């Protein structure tokens, strides 16, 4: 179990604040060493991330990656506009300048915010899908410059192809390989135009991101009902990209809502620090969310988003901050009961490490459940076609269809998940915590936790490819094992780990991609003590596989 820093949940002290001038200087002055794996371009599930002071997110990374995206677009015949947005991290603005210089030099039509503002990830997805609707050629794609909820010193750069969702490995692998080749070759072949010239060129266009997204929101969440019910809403953007979207949303739909924090500060000095004493805009963390949780009695329901607004954190008067899995189950149960225009066969998408209470909700609803590996990319096709009504991850990221059953976004949207909490309150007269309480009274109470366990690189490699036969568990916490899997049952794709299920609980183990640990996700429908037994049996079983 992790040791919680004594400062967790308290407002950040001056000594933990990032030196922004030094950070930005390092972005331009630092040069990554392409021979060092830690300084190369590396696309994870949410793009390339790093920090300038460690030479893992510098100007050359963005120049090389942007040129690689231009090359990919040319090879695939993508000639439509590229929608680009940034969040409020300090490295986002410099990276935008670098990206625009390369896109313009390559003749790519780039759409930047008309007010020089910030653009949430779901807004980029919505813009791509809206532009591409009905088109078969000249398709648009997009880039979001964000490290999501990561600390203030981090930067991130992710690519969304024409389907509007996160790029899959068949795309990111090509972009990553080519970007690193540019780094290794001293940036030869990277086209670049002076920023001032680029802004005046025919390739850089000012675009209104706010109006189309805000105008369409009423087609995905019943905001007229929220208005008529007078639900009192509290909203905390956590200093992120959604901050300038909330007042237009409140004004357009006549909501009774208060934005409790409108500060934008690249140090994020207004944040309460996370469990480890670091500033992290994680809206699923009770420590990072301490300020909004303290206000819960002021509102019927309150919510926050992370820095690029693709995640949500729901706070209720009756229950405080909801566990992300609990809210996913609540949202699914509510939506599939109150969206009559959705296809009767529309399925529920969840990841292998999400709570099994979702399985029980799906069975109650009579809906197909599709269990996938970790990563929102697995839900993209289903959301585009309407064959998935909802796709969600245990890390508080989800999206769902419009009320008429058509696609809304193919990337996570924390804005609509927050507004949905208000719709649930308006429609049922119960907040999401109470709604979930009703569900568990019928379906059982889940006890869920994730722990990190120290592991060597060889052990992590073993875990990534372990088979059910190698693990060989027949019993887990006193119950017979009914299934052991290394591939997601929903699509047969390997998830880089192992999962063991019984009728009363389960665990899944996966190696961390960034730290010398493996993660055990576990759940019991009996008790907290039973959950601990599952965790212990999981570690004991894996020790045998590791040969220790």
Protein backbone atom coordinates (compact mmCIF):
# COMPACT_ATOMS: atom_id res chain seq x y z
CA UNK A 1 0.00 0.00 0.00
CA UNK A 2 1.18 3.55 -0.67
CA UNK A 3 2.37 5.96 2.00
CA UNK A 4 0.28 9.14 1.91
CA UNK A 5 2.28 12.36 2.15
CA UNK A 6 1.39 14.50 5.20
CA UNK A 7 0.66 17.43 2.85
CA UNK A 8 -1.89 15.47 0.81
CA UNK A 9 -5.20 17.33 0.51
CA UNK A 10 -3.67 20.63 1.58
CA UNK A 11 -3.08 23.67 -0.65
CA UNK A 12 0.30 23.50 -2.37
CA UNK A 13 3.13 25.18 -0.50
CA UNK A 14 5.53 27.51 -2.39
CA UNK A 15 8.38 25.00 -2.25
CA UNK A 16 6.55 22.51 -4.52
CA UNK A 17 5.69 25.03 -7.24
CA UNK A 18 7.29 24.61 -10.65
CA UNK A 19 9.72 27.28 -11.82
CA UNK A 20 7.90 28.23 -15.02
CA UNK A 21 10.58 30.46 -16.61
CA UNK A 22 13.16 27.70 -16.11
CA UNK A 23 10.75 25.10 -17.54
CA UNK A 24 10.03 27.12 -20.69
CA UNK A 25 13.70 28.00 -21.15
CA UNK A 26 14.58 24.30 -20.99
CA UNK A 27 11.96 23.59 -23.69
CA UNK A 28 13.87 25.75 -26.18
CA UNK A 29 17.42 25.31 -24.86
CA UNK A 30 17.45 21.58 -24.12
CA UNK A 31 18.30 19.11 -26.87
CA UNK A 32 17.23 15.48 -26.40
CA UNK A 33 19.77 12.70 -26.84
CA UNK A 34 18.18 10.25 -29.31
CA UNK A 35 20.45 7.49 -27.98
CA UNK A 36 18.81 7.76 -24.55
CA UNK A 37 15.50 5.82 -24.47
CA UNK A 38 14.16 8.26 -21.87
CA UNK A 39 14.73 11.18 -24.24
CA UNK A 40 13.16 9.69 -27.36
CA UNK A 41 9.62 10.23 -28.64
CA UNK A 42 7.45 7.56 -27.01
CA UNK A 43 3.71 7.31 -27.63
CA UNK A 44 1.74 5.75 -24.81
CA UNK A 45 -2.05 5.38 -24.73
CA UNK A 46 -2.36 9.19 -24.63
CA UNK A 47 0.48 10.39 -26.85
CA UNK A 48 4.01 11.50 -26.02
CA UNK A 49 4.58 12.94 -22.54
CA UNK A 50 7.58 14.28 -20.71
CA UNK A 51 9.16 17.38 -19.21
CA UNK A 52 11.67 19.83 -20.64
CA UNK A 53 14.01 19.79 -17.65
CA UNK A 54 14.67 16.08 -18.26
CA UNK A 55 14.96 16.52 -22.03
CA UNK A 56 11.89 14.35 -22.56
CA UNK A 57 9.62 17.12 -23.91
CA UNK A 58 11.59 19.73 -25.83
CA UNK A 59 11.20 21.78 -28.98
CA UNK A 60 12.88 19.10 -31.09
CA UNK A 61 10.39 16.47 -29.89
CA UNK A 62 7.48 18.57 -31.11
CA UNK A 63 9.12 19.62 -34.37
CA UNK A 64 10.04 16.02 -35.21
CA UNK A 65 6.68 14.56 -34.15
CA UNK A 66 4.75 17.20 -36.08
CA UNK A 67 6.78 16.50 -39.23
CA UNK A 68 6.10 12.79 -38.74
CA UNK A 69 2.37 13.54 -38.55
CA UNK A 70 2.64 15.61 -41.74
CA UNK A 71 4.37 12.67 -43.45
CA UNK A 72 1.65 10.30 -42.22
CA UNK A 73 -1.11 12.63 -43.47
CA UNK A 74 0.52 12.80 -46.91
CA UNK A 75 0.86 9.02 -47.13
CA UNK A 76 -2.77 8.52 -46.16
CA UNK A 77 -4.08 11.30 -48.41
CA UNK A 78 -5.45 13.38 -45.54
CA UNK A 79 -6.01 16.84 -47.02
CA UNK A 80 -8.64 18.31 -44.71
CA UNK A 81 -7.99 20.76 -41.89
CA UNK A 82 -6.14 19.79 -38.74
CA UNK A 83 -7.89 20.92 -35.55
CA UNK A 84 -5.37 21.74 -32.84
CA UNK A 85 -5.94 22.63 -29.19
CA UNK A 86 -3.93 23.18 -26.05
CA UNK A 87 -4.54 22.90 -22.34
CA UNK A 88 -3.23 25.19 -19.59
CA UNK A 89 0.08 23.46 -18.82
CA UNK A 90 3.05 25.81 -19.19
CA UNK A 91 4.64 23.79 -22.01
CA UNK A 92 1.48 23.80 -24.12
CA UNK A 93 1.91 27.32 -25.53
CA UNK A 94 5.54 26.80 -26.64
CA UNK A 95 4.64 23.43 -28.16
CA UNK A 96 1.76 25.02 -30.09
CA UNK A 97 4.20 27.52 -31.62
CA UNK A 98 6.55 24.71 -32.66
CA UNK A 99 3.72 22.64 -34.13
CA UNK A 100 2.23 25.55 -36.09
CA UNK A 101 5.64 26.36 -37.60
CA UNK A 102 5.94 22.82 -38.99
CA UNK A 103 2.31 22.35 -40.05
CA UNK A 104 2.31 25.64 -41.96
CA UNK A 105 5.63 24.84 -43.64
CA UNK A 106 4.10 21.54 -44.83
CA UNK A 107 1.01 23.25 -46.21
CA UNK A 108 -1.36 21.79 -43.62
CA UNK A 109 -4.43 23.93 -42.88
CA UNK A 110 -4.35 24.33 -39.11
CA UNK A 111 -7.37 25.50 -37.08
CA UNK A 112 -6.33 27.35 -33.91
CA UNK A 113 -8.63 28.89 -31.31
CA UNK A 114 -9.82 32.30 -32.49
CA UNK A 115 -9.24 33.88 -29.08
CA UNK A 116 -5.90 32.25 -28.38
CA UNK A 117 -7.63 30.18 -25.73
CA UNK A 118 -7.62 26.61 -24.50
CA UNK A 119 -9.43 23.67 -26.06
CA UNK A 120 -10.56 20.50 -24.24
CA UNK A 121 -9.80 17.11 -25.79
CA UNK A 122 -13.50 16.28 -26.38
CA UNK A 123 -13.98 19.56 -28.25
CA UNK A 124 -11.25 18.56 -30.73
CA UNK A 125 -12.92 15.16 -31.18
CA UNK A 126 -16.31 16.83 -31.70
CA UNK A 127 -14.83 19.25 -34.26
CA UNK A 128 -13.20 16.42 -36.26
CA UNK A 129 -16.39 14.34 -36.34
CA UNK A 130 -18.56 17.34 -37.21
CA UNK A 131 -16.32 18.30 -40.13
CA UNK A 132 -16.00 14.75 -41.46
CA UNK A 133 -19.72 13.93 -41.27
CA UNK A 134 -20.90 12.92 -44.73
CA UNK A 135 -17.42 13.24 -46.24
CA UNK A 136 -15.39 10.47 -47.84
CA UNK A 137 -12.41 12.57 -48.87
CA UNK A 138 -10.60 15.68 -47.67
CA UNK A 139 -10.94 14.38 -44.12
CA UNK A 140 -9.89 16.32 -41.02
CA UNK A 141 -7.85 15.12 -38.06
CA UNK A 142 -6.46 16.76 -34.93
CA UNK A 143 -3.81 17.27 -32.27
CA UNK A 144 -4.25 18.03 -28.58
CA UNK A 145 -1.26 19.43 -26.70
CA UNK A 146 -1.83 18.14 -23.17
CA UNK A 147 -0.37 15.72 -20.60
CA UNK A 148 -3.88 15.34 -19.14
CA UNK A 149 -3.87 15.47 -15.31
CA UNK A 150 -0.07 15.24 -15.00
CA UNK A 151 1.93 17.66 -12.80
CA UNK A 152 2.55 21.26 -13.98
CA UNK A 153 6.07 20.54 -15.26
CA UNK A 154 4.85 18.00 -17.82
CA UNK A 155 3.90 18.43 -21.45
CA UNK A 156 1.97 16.13 -23.76
CA UNK A 157 1.26 15.78 -27.48
CA UNK A 158 -1.39 13.44 -28.87
CA UNK A 159 -2.81 12.79 -32.33
CA UNK A 160 -6.42 12.01 -33.22
CA UNK A 161 -6.94 10.66 -36.77
CA UNK A 162 -10.15 11.23 -38.81
CA UNK A 163 -12.26 8.96 -36.58
CA UNK A 164 -11.81 11.61 -33.87
CA UNK A 165 -10.55 9.28 -31.16
CA UNK A 166 -7.10 8.37 -29.83
CA UNK A 167 -4.73 7.07 -32.51
CA UNK A 168 -4.11 3.32 -32.38
CA UNK A 169 -0.65 1.75 -32.34
CA UNK A 170 -0.71 1.23 -36.11
CA UNK A 171 -0.63 5.04 -36.36
CA UNK A 172 1.42 6.01 -33.31
CA UNK A 173 4.05 3.38 -34.08
CA UNK A 174 4.68 4.94 -37.50
CA UNK A 175 4.72 8.49 -36.12
CA UNK A 176 6.99 7.57 -33.21
CA UNK A 177 9.49 5.72 -35.41
CA UNK A 178 9.71 8.53 -37.93
CA UNK A 179 9.96 11.25 -35.27
CA UNK A 180 12.87 9.47 -33.62
CA UNK A 181 14.55 9.10 -37.01
CA UNK A 182 14.36 12.89 -37.42
CA UNK A 183 15.88 13.35 -33.96
CA UNK A 184 18.69 10.91 -34.75
CA UNK A 185 19.39 12.63 -38.08
CA UNK A 186 19.83 16.05 -36.55
CA UNK A 187 16.34 17.24 -37.62
CA UNK A 188 17.19 16.97 -41.33
CA UNK A 189 14.04 16.91 -43.41
CA UNK A 190 11.92 18.80 -40.85
CA UNK A 191 10.24 21.69 -42.65
CA UNK A 192 9.71 24.81 -40.56
CA UNK A 193 8.37 28.33 -41.12
CA UNK A 194 9.00 31.33 -38.87
CA UNK A 195 6.05 31.61 -36.49
CA UNK A 196 5.15 35.19 -37.44
CA UNK A 197 5.11 34.20 -41.12
CA UNK A 198 3.13 31.06 -40.35
CA UNK A 199 0.42 33.06 -38.56
CA UNK A 200 0.11 35.32 -41.61
CA UNK A 201 0.18 32.43 -44.07
CA UNK A 202 -2.79 30.89 -45.87
CA UNK A 203 -2.44 27.75 -43.74
CA UNK A 204 -3.25 29.04 -40.23
CA UNK A 205 -6.93 29.74 -39.58
CA UNK A 206 -8.73 31.17 -36.56
CA UNK A 207 -11.59 28.92 -35.49
CA UNK A 208 -14.47 29.23 -33.04
CA UNK A 209 -14.29 26.04 -31.02
CA UNK A 210 -16.66 27.15 -28.27
CA UNK A 211 -19.92 27.89 -30.11
CA UNK A 212 -20.44 24.63 -32.09
CA UNK A 213 -19.61 22.41 -29.12
CA UNK A 214 -21.76 24.38 -26.66
CA UNK A 215 -24.67 24.58 -29.13
CA UNK A 216 -24.66 20.79 -29.57
CA UNK A 217 -24.49 19.90 -25.85
CA UNK A 218 -28.26 19.93 -25.47
CA UNK A 219 -28.42 17.06 -27.95
CA UNK A 220 -26.41 14.77 -25.70
CA UNK A 221 -27.57 15.81 -22.19
CA UNK A 222 -31.11 16.99 -21.37
CA UNK A 223 -30.13 20.44 -20.19
CA UNK A 224 -33.68 21.79 -20.55
CA UNK A 225 -34.70 19.32 -17.85
CA UNK A 226 -31.75 20.36 -15.67
CA UNK A 227 -32.83 24.00 -16.03
CA UNK A 228 -36.50 23.34 -15.26
CA UNK A 229 -35.60 21.25 -12.19
CA UNK A 230 -33.39 24.03 -10.85
CA UNK A 231 -30.54 21.70 -9.97
CA UNK A 232 -27.86 23.69 -8.14
CA UNK A 233 -24.50 22.78 -9.71
CA UNK A 234 -20.92 23.45 -8.60
CA UNK A 235 -18.16 23.30 -11.22
CA UNK A 236 -14.38 23.28 -10.76
CA UNK A 237 -12.30 23.23 -13.98
CA UNK A 238 -9.17 22.70 -11.84
CA UNK A 239 -7.51 25.48 -13.82
CA UNK A 240 -7.88 23.50 -17.03
CA UNK A 241 -8.96 23.92 -20.64
CA UNK A 242 -12.71 23.87 -19.90
CA UNK A 243 -12.53 27.06 -17.82
CA UNK A 244 -13.81 29.37 -20.59
CA UNK A 245 -16.52 26.95 -21.74
CA UNK A 246 -18.62 26.95 -18.60
CA UNK A 247 -20.03 30.47 -18.71
CA UNK A 248 -21.23 30.06 -22.33
CA UNK A 249 -22.80 26.71 -21.34
CA UNK A 250 -24.49 28.18 -18.26
CA UNK A 251 -25.78 31.21 -20.21
CA UNK A 252 -27.05 29.26 -23.23
CA UNK A 253 -28.98 26.68 -21.21
CA UNK A 254 -29.99 28.83 -18.26
CA UNK A 255 -28.39 26.56 -15.69
CA UNK A 256 -28.23 27.29 -11.99
CA UNK A 257 -24.49 26.76 -11.72
CA UNK A 258 -21.43 28.27 -10.07
CA UNK A 259 -17.87 28.01 -11.37
CA UNK A 260 -16.08 27.84 -8.04
CA UNK A 261 -12.58 28.43 -9.42
CA UNK A 262 -11.77 30.37 -12.58
CA UNK A 263 -8.05 30.75 -11.99
CA UNK A 264 -5.55 29.93 -14.71
CA UNK A 265 -2.02 29.69 -13.38
CA UNK A 266 0.68 27.44 -14.88
CA UNK A 267 2.00 26.64 -11.40
CA UNK A 268 -1.51 25.44 -10.37
CA UNK A 269 -0.75 26.92 -6.95
CA UNK A 270 -4.45 26.82 -6.03
CA UNK A 271 -4.51 23.01 -6.10
CA UNK A 272 -4.51 20.80 -3.03
CA UNK A 273 -1.67 18.34 -3.50
CA UNK A 274 -2.15 14.68 -4.34
CA UNK A 275 -1.37 11.60 -2.22
CA UNK A 276 2.39 11.86 -2.86
CA UNK A 277 2.71 15.59 -2.21
CA UNK A 278 2.78 16.49 -5.89
CA UNK A 279 0.43 18.84 -7.70
CA UNK A 280 -1.71 16.75 -10.01
CA UNK A 281 -5.05 17.77 -11.53
CA UNK A 282 -6.56 14.35 -10.96
CA UNK A 283 -10.31 14.74 -10.52
CA UNK A 284 -10.61 11.14 -9.27
CA UNK A 285 -8.25 11.77 -6.35
CA UNK A 286 -9.84 12.77 -3.00
CA UNK A 287 -6.65 14.68 -2.18
CA UNK A 288 -6.58 16.73 -5.39
CA UNK A 289 -10.34 17.26 -5.08
CA UNK A 290 -10.31 18.33 -1.41
CA UNK A 291 -11.43 21.91 -2.14
CA UNK A 292 -14.53 20.90 -4.10
CA UNK A 293 -15.38 18.11 -1.65
CA UNK A 294 -15.34 20.73 1.14
CA UNK A 295 -18.04 22.68 -0.75
CA UNK A 296 -20.36 19.72 -1.28
CA UNK A 297 -23.10 21.04 1.03
CA UNK A 298 -23.45 24.17 -1.13
CA UNK A 299 -24.66 22.23 -4.19
CA UNK A 300 -27.06 19.49 -5.21
CA UNK A 301 -24.25 18.03 -7.27
CA UNK A 302 -20.75 19.24 -8.14
CA UNK A 303 -18.05 18.06 -10.51
CA UNK A 304 -14.55 18.78 -11.76
CA UNK A 305 -12.52 17.97 -14.85
CA UNK A 306 -8.84 17.33 -15.35
CA UNK A 307 -6.71 19.75 -17.36
CA UNK A 308 -7.86 18.70 -20.84
CA UNK A 309 -11.40 17.93 -19.59
CA UNK A 310 -11.47 14.32 -20.77
CA UNK A 311 -11.99 13.02 -17.23
CA UNK A 312 -14.64 13.71 -14.61
CA UNK A 313 -14.89 13.73 -10.84
CA UNK A 314 -18.40 13.71 -9.34
CA UNK A 315 -19.07 15.13 -5.87
CA UNK A 316 -22.43 14.71 -4.16
CA UNK A 317 -23.87 16.15 -0.98
CA UNK A 318 -24.73 12.68 0.30
CA UNK A 319 -21.56 10.81 -0.62
CA UNK A 320 -18.70 13.19 -1.33
CA UNK A 321 -16.37 12.21 -4.19
CA UNK A 322 -17.71 9.17 -6.02
CA UNK A 323 -15.44 6.28 -6.88
CA UNK A 324 -14.99 6.44 -10.69
CA UNK A 325 -16.27 2.87 -11.12
CA UNK A 326 -19.37 3.64 -9.09
CA UNK A 327 -20.22 6.63 -11.25
CA UNK A 328 -19.65 4.68 -14.47
CA UNK A 329 -22.15 2.07 -13.27
CA UNK A 330 -24.59 4.81 -12.27
CA UNK A 331 -24.28 6.60 -15.62
CA UNK A 332 -24.78 3.35 -17.54
CA UNK A 333 -27.82 2.31 -15.52
CA UNK A 334 -29.41 5.74 -15.95
CA UNK A 335 -28.61 6.29 -19.62
CA UNK A 336 -29.81 2.95 -20.93
CA UNK A 337 -33.09 3.44 -19.05
CA UNK A 338 -33.62 7.01 -20.31
CA UNK A 339 -32.43 7.03 -23.92
CA UNK A 340 -35.34 5.43 -25.83
CA UNK A 341 -33.93 6.46 -29.23
CA UNK A 342 -30.74 4.46 -28.75
CA UNK A 343 -30.52 1.22 -30.72
CA UNK A 344 -32.01 -1.66 -28.76
CA UNK A 345 -28.79 -3.58 -29.43
CA UNK A 346 -26.40 -0.79 -28.41
CA UNK A 347 -23.75 -2.32 -26.15
CA UNK A 348 -21.84 -1.20 -23.06
CA UNK A 349 -18.06 -0.90 -23.38
CA UNK A 350 -15.79 -1.33 -20.35
CA UNK A 351 -12.14 -2.22 -19.77
CA UNK A 352 -10.92 -5.43 -18.14
CA UNK A 353 -9.93 -3.57 -14.98
CA UNK A 354 -13.26 -1.77 -14.50
CA UNK A 355 -15.68 -2.84 -11.78
CA UNK A 356 -17.80 -5.96 -12.26
CA UNK A 357 -20.77 -4.02 -10.90
CA UNK A 358 -20.97 -2.81 -14.52
CA UNK A 359 -21.40 -6.44 -15.61
CA UNK A 360 -24.28 -6.78 -13.18
CA UNK A 361 -25.85 -3.54 -14.42
CA UNK A 362 -25.55 -4.78 -18.01
CA UNK A 363 -27.24 -8.07 -17.10
CA UNK A 364 -30.04 -6.20 -15.32
CA UNK A 365 -30.55 -4.03 -18.40
CA UNK A 366 -30.37 -6.98 -20.78
CA UNK A 367 -27.58 -5.24 -22.68
CA UNK A 368 -24.50 -6.74 -24.32
CA UNK A 369 -21.27 -6.02 -22.44
CA UNK A 370 -18.01 -5.69 -24.39
CA UNK A 371 -14.91 -5.96 -22.21
CA UNK A 372 -11.74 -4.57 -23.81
CA UNK A 373 -8.08 -3.98 -22.97
CA UNK A 374 -7.20 -0.69 -21.26
CA UNK A 375 -7.39 2.31 -23.62
CA UNK A 376 -10.26 4.38 -24.96
CA UNK A 377 -9.25 3.57 -28.54
CA UNK A 378 -11.13 0.27 -28.21
CA UNK A 379 -14.46 2.11 -28.01
CA UNK A 380 -13.98 4.37 -31.05
CA UNK A 381 -15.56 2.21 -33.75
CA UNK A 382 -18.54 1.29 -31.56
CA UNK A 383 -19.29 4.92 -30.74
CA UNK A 384 -18.98 5.97 -34.40
CA UNK A 385 -21.48 3.36 -35.54
CA UNK A 386 -23.78 3.60 -32.54
CA UNK A 387 -23.19 -0.07 -31.70
CA UNK A 388 -21.83 1.13 -28.34
CA UNK A 389 -24.12 3.39 -26.35
CA UNK A 390 -21.43 4.01 -23.76
CA UNK A 391 -17.71 3.42 -23.42
CA UNK A 392 -15.88 4.00 -20.15
CA UNK A 393 -12.60 3.42 -18.35
CA UNK A 394 -11.99 2.88 -14.64
CA UNK A 395 -9.77 5.99 -14.66
CA UNK A 396 -12.83 8.30 -14.85
CA UNK A 397 -12.93 8.69 -18.62
CA UNK A 398 -16.04 8.00 -20.69
CA UNK A 399 -18.28 9.16 -23.49
CA UNK A 400 -21.73 8.23 -24.76
CA UNK A 401 -24.05 8.77 -27.70
CA UNK A 402 -26.28 11.74 -28.39
CA UNK A 403 -29.88 11.38 -27.30
CA UNK A 404 -30.88 10.39 -30.85
CA UNK A 405 -28.32 7.58 -30.88
CA UNK A 406 -25.74 9.26 -33.13
CA UNK A 407 -22.07 9.78 -32.28
CA UNK A 408 -21.08 12.63 -29.94
CA UNK A 409 -17.35 12.17 -29.41
CA UNK A 410 -14.95 9.28 -29.87
CA UNK A 411 -12.64 10.53 -27.14
CA UNK A 412 -13.38 10.84 -23.44
CA UNK A 413 -15.60 13.77 -22.46
CA UNK A 414 -15.57 14.84 -18.82
CA UNK A 415 -17.89 17.77 -19.55
CA UNK A 416 -20.90 15.65 -20.52
CA UNK A 417 -20.29 13.18 -17.69
CA UNK A 418 -20.44 16.08 -15.24
CA UNK A 419 -23.60 17.50 -16.77
CA UNK A 420 -25.15 14.03 -16.79
CA UNK A 421 -24.87 13.98 -12.99
CA UNK A 422 -27.16 17.02 -12.96
CA UNK A 423 -29.58 15.34 -15.39
CA UNK A 424 -29.74 12.26 -13.15
CA UNK A 425 -30.62 14.53 -10.21
CA UNK A 426 -33.21 16.41 -12.27
CA UNK A 427 -34.90 13.28 -13.63
CA UNK A 428 -34.87 11.03 -10.56
CA UNK A 429 -34.74 13.49 -7.66
CA UNK A 430 -31.77 11.55 -6.34
CA UNK A 431 -28.11 12.43 -6.64
CA UNK A 432 -25.73 9.92 -8.28
CA UNK A 433 -24.51 8.59 -4.91
CA UNK A 434 -28.09 7.83 -3.87
CA UNK A 435 -28.79 6.32 -7.30
CA UNK A 436 -25.76 4.06 -6.91
CA UNK A 437 -26.93 3.10 -3.43
CA UNK A 438 -30.18 1.88 -4.94
CA UNK A 439 -28.23 -0.16 -7.50
CA UNK A 440 -26.04 -1.86 -4.91
CA UNK A 441 -29.01 -2.66 -2.70
CA UNK A 442 -30.18 -4.80 -5.61
CA UNK A 443 -26.90 -5.93 -7.21
CA UNK A 444 -24.48 -6.12 -4.29
CA UNK A 445 -21.86 -3.76 -2.88
CA UNK A 446 -18.48 -3.81 -4.66
CA UNK A 447 -15.23 -3.39 -2.74
CA UNK A 448 -12.63 -2.28 -5.29
CA UNK A 449 -9.01 -1.18 -5.01
CA UNK A 450 -5.79 -0.88 -6.99
CA UNK A 451 -2.41 -1.43 -5.39
CA UNK A 452 1.12 -1.17 -6.78
CA UNK A 453 3.65 -3.93 -6.06
CA UNK A 454 7.41 -3.60 -6.62
CA UNK A 455 8.65 -5.57 -9.62
CA UNK A 456 11.91 -5.89 -11.53
CA UNK A 457 12.00 -5.34 -15.31
CA UNK A 458 12.32 -9.13 -15.93
CA UNK A 459 9.29 -9.77 -13.69
CA UNK A 460 7.32 -7.12 -15.57
CA UNK A 461 8.25 -8.80 -18.85
CA UNK A 462 7.04 -12.16 -17.53
CA UNK A 463 3.74 -10.67 -16.37
CA UNK A 464 3.11 -8.98 -19.71
CA UNK A 465 3.08 -12.34 -21.49
CA UNK A 466 1.91 -14.73 -18.76
CA UNK A 467 -0.69 -17.34 -19.78
CA UNK A 468 -3.61 -18.74 -17.75
CA UNK A 469 -1.86 -22.11 -17.76
CA UNK A 470 1.31 -20.65 -16.24
CA UNK A 471 -0.62 -19.02 -13.42
CA UNK A 472 -2.77 -22.09 -12.83
CA UNK A 473 -4.93 -20.69 -10.01
CA UNK A 474 -7.91 -22.93 -9.22
CA UNK A 475 -9.06 -21.06 -6.12
CA UNK A 476 -9.09 -17.37 -5.19
CA UNK A 477 -9.87 -16.18 -1.65
CA UNK A 478 -11.69 -19.42 -0.90
CA UNK A 479 -13.82 -19.45 -4.07
CA UNK A 480 -13.37 -21.64 -7.16
CA UNK A 481 -11.92 -19.82 -10.16
CA UNK A 482 -14.41 -19.68 -13.03
CA UNK A 483 -12.16 -17.93 -15.60
CA UNK A 484 -8.53 -16.93 -16.11
CA UNK A 485 -7.67 -14.79 -19.11
CA UNK A 486 -4.87 -12.85 -20.74
CA UNK A 487 -7.04 -11.62 -23.61
CA UNK A 488 -10.03 -9.31 -23.29
CA UNK A 489 -13.23 -11.33 -23.72
CA UNK A 490 -14.90 -8.55 -25.70
CA UNK A 491 -12.50 -8.55 -28.63
CA UNK A 492 -9.91 -11.27 -28.02
CA UNK A 493 -7.06 -8.77 -27.80
CA UNK A 494 -4.22 -9.33 -25.29
CA UNK A 495 -4.21 -6.78 -22.48
CA UNK A 496 -0.63 -7.30 -21.33
CA UNK A 497 -1.38 -9.07 -18.07
CA UNK A 498 -3.66 -11.62 -16.41
CA UNK A 499 -7.17 -11.62 -14.94
CA UNK A 500 -8.75 -14.19 -12.63
CA UNK A 501 -12.49 -14.30 -11.84
CA UNK A 502 -14.75 -16.05 -9.36
CA UNK A 503 -18.45 -15.59 -8.69
CA UNK A 504 -17.66 -13.19 -5.84
CA UNK A 505 -14.54 -11.33 -6.92
CA UNK A 506 -11.63 -10.97 -9.30
CA UNK A 507 -8.18 -9.51 -9.78
CA UNK A 508 -6.22 -8.30 -12.78
CA UNK A 509 -2.47 -7.68 -12.82
CA UNK A 510 -0.61 -5.55 -15.37
CA UNK A 511 2.96 -4.19 -15.42
CA UNK A 512 3.44 -0.42 -15.23
CA UNK A 513 4.82 1.16 -18.38
CA UNK A 514 6.77 3.83 -16.50
CA UNK A 515 7.70 2.49 -13.05
CA UNK A 516 9.23 -0.68 -11.58
CA UNK A 517 5.91 -1.90 -10.24
CA UNK A 518 2.99 -3.97 -11.36
CA UNK A 519 -0.59 -2.99 -10.68
CA UNK A 520 -3.15 -5.26 -9.07
CA UNK A 521 -6.76 -4.27 -9.64
CA UNK A 522 -9.09 -6.28 -7.44
CA UNK A 523 -12.72 -6.39 -6.38
CA UNK A 524 -14.88 -8.30 -3.95
CA UNK A 525 -18.63 -8.46 -3.63
CA UNK A 526 -18.33 -9.82 -0.10
CA UNK A 527 -16.26 -7.51 2.10
CA UNK A 528 -13.14 -5.40 2.45
CA UNK A 529 -11.48 -8.33 4.22
CA UNK A 530 -12.32 -10.61 1.29
CA UNK A 531 -10.80 -7.99 -1.05
CA UNK A 532 -7.55 -8.09 0.95
CA UNK A 533 -7.50 -11.88 0.68
CA UNK A 534 -7.91 -11.63 -3.10
CA UNK A 535 -4.98 -9.19 -3.24
CA UNK A 536 -2.81 -11.50 -1.10
CA UNK A 537 -3.66 -14.59 -3.17
CA UNK A 538 -2.93 -12.65 -6.35
CA UNK A 539 0.55 -11.66 -5.13
CA UNK A 540 1.28 -15.18 -3.92
CA UNK A 541 0.25 -16.67 -7.26
CA UNK A 542 2.33 -14.21 -9.22
CA UNK A 543 5.39 -14.84 -7.02
CA UNK A 544 5.31 -18.47 -8.13
CA UNK A 545 5.17 -17.36 -11.77
CA UNK A 546 8.14 -15.07 -11.18
CA UNK A 547 10.02 -17.93 -9.52
CA UNK A 548 10.44 -16.11 -6.23
